[in-house]
Amino acid sequence: MAKRLLPLLGVGAVDNETEQAIEEEVDHVYERLQALEGDRECLKHCMSSINQGDKGMDLLHESLQHLRDLMDVELRIRNINDHVDEAAGN
């Protein structure tokens, strides 16, 4: 996909290293766009739940608690990986 976008970005002939860097950046931007679209859909569902009254709020609170739990797990994994890297001298 990135190769097709290069002319649209005003990028002419480039060396392979530059082309690869541009492709990686475009891929990163595309991945971020997909994540933002997912976030948007999640927010739409949250707003819908809020509009449903107490039951919707309860569901939203429960969902947020699950997200907090997942974030805690991710932070613990990062801390473990950081300690492993430090012990290995990286």
Protein backbone atom coordinates (compact mmCIF):
# COMPACT_ATOMS: atom_id res chain seq x y z
CA MET A 1 0.00 0.00 0.00
CA ALA A 2 2.78 2.43 0.88
CA LYS A 3 4.38 2.17 -2.56
CA ARG A 4 1.15 3.36 -4.16
CA LEU A 5 1.04 6.34 -1.80
CA LEU A 6 4.56 7.60 -2.52
CA PRO A 7 3.62 9.53 -5.69
CA LEU A 8 0.63 11.06 -3.89
CA LEU A 9 2.97 12.30 -1.17
CA GLY A 10 5.16 13.99 -3.76
CA VAL A 11 7.93 11.47 -3.26
CA GLY A 12 9.84 10.66 -6.42
CA ALA A 13 12.44 7.96 -6.89
CA VAL A 14 14.07 7.01 -3.60
CA ASP A 15 16.61 4.44 -2.56
CA ASN A 16 15.48 1.15 -1.06
CA GLU A 17 16.35 2.17 2.50
CA THR A 18 14.32 5.38 2.29
CA GLU A 19 11.44 3.57 0.62
CA GLN A 20 11.44 0.95 3.37
CA ALA A 21 11.45 3.65 6.06
CA ILE A 22 8.53 5.41 4.40
CA GLU A 23 6.61 2.13 4.05
CA GLU A 24 7.15 1.35 7.74
CA GLU A 25 5.95 4.81 8.74
CA VAL A 26 2.85 4.54 6.53
CA ASP A 27 2.13 1.10 8.00
CA HIS A 28 2.49 2.53 11.51
CA VAL A 29 0.11 5.40 10.70
CA TYR A 30 -2.39 2.94 9.21
CA GLU A 31 -2.23 0.73 12.32
CA ARG A 32 -2.80 3.78 14.51
CA LEU A 33 -5.75 4.83 12.36
CA GLN A 34 -7.30 1.39 12.83
CA ALA A 35 -6.78 1.66 16.59
CA LEU A 36 -8.42 5.08 16.65
CA GLU A 37 -11.39 3.77 14.67
CA GLY A 38 -11.75 0.99 17.23
CA ASP A 39 -11.55 3.54 20.06
CA ARG A 40 -14.26 5.58 18.36
CA GLU A 41 -16.56 2.58 18.17
CA CYS A 42 -15.89 1.77 21.83
CA LEU A 43 -16.76 5.34 22.83
CA LYS A 44 -19.99 5.15 20.84
CA HIS A 45 -20.95 2.00 22.74
CA CYS A 46 -20.02 3.66 26.04
CA MET A 47 -22.25 6.62 25.28
CA SER A 48 -25.06 4.28 24.32
CA SER A 49 -24.64 2.45 27.64
CA ILE A 50 -24.73 5.72 29.56
CA ASN A 51 -27.99 6.62 27.85
CA GLN A 52 -29.51 3.30 29.00
CA GLY A 53 -29.64 4.39 32.63
CA ASP A 54 -28.45 2.45 35.68
CA LYS A 55 -28.06 -0.91 33.93
CA GLY A 56 -25.95 0.70 31.23
CA MET A 57 -23.82 2.48 33.81
CA ASP A 58 -23.31 -0.77 35.71
CA LEU A 59 -22.17 -2.47 32.51
CA LEU A 60 -19.85 0.41 31.74
CA HIS A 61 -18.33 0.32 35.24
CA GLU A 62 -17.78 -3.43 34.95
CA SER A 63 -16.12 -3.01 31.54
CA LEU A 64 -13.86 -0.27 32.86
CA GLN A 65 -12.82 -2.45 35.79
CA HIS A 66 -11.86 -5.23 33.37
CA LEU A 67 -9.80 -2.73 31.37
CA ARG A 68 -8.05 -1.59 34.56
CA ASP A 69 -7.26 -5.21 35.40
CA LEU A 70 -5.80 -5.76 31.93
CA MET A 71 -3.68 -2.62 32.25
CA ASP A 72 -2.37 -3.85 35.61
CA VAL A 73 -1.36 -7.16 34.05
CA GLU A 74 0.37 -5.36 31.18
CA LEU A 75 2.28 -3.13 33.61
CA ARG A 76 3.39 -6.15 35.65
CA ILE A 77 4.61 -7.89 32.49
CA ARG A 78 6.54 -4.77 31.45
CA ASN A 79 8.12 -4.54 34.90
CA ILE A 80 9.14 -8.19 34.76
CA ASN A 81 10.62 -7.71 31.29
CA ASP A 82 12.48 -4.59 32.45
CA HIS A 83 13.99 -6.55 35.37
CA VAL A 84 14.96 -9.41 33.08
CA ASP A 85 16.61 -6.97 30.66
CA GLU A 86 18.49 -5.28 33.53
CA ALA A 87 19.66 -8.63 34.88
CA ALA A 88 20.87 -9.60 31.40
CA GLY A 89 22.79 -6.33 31.15
CA ASN A 90 20.71 -4.84 28.32
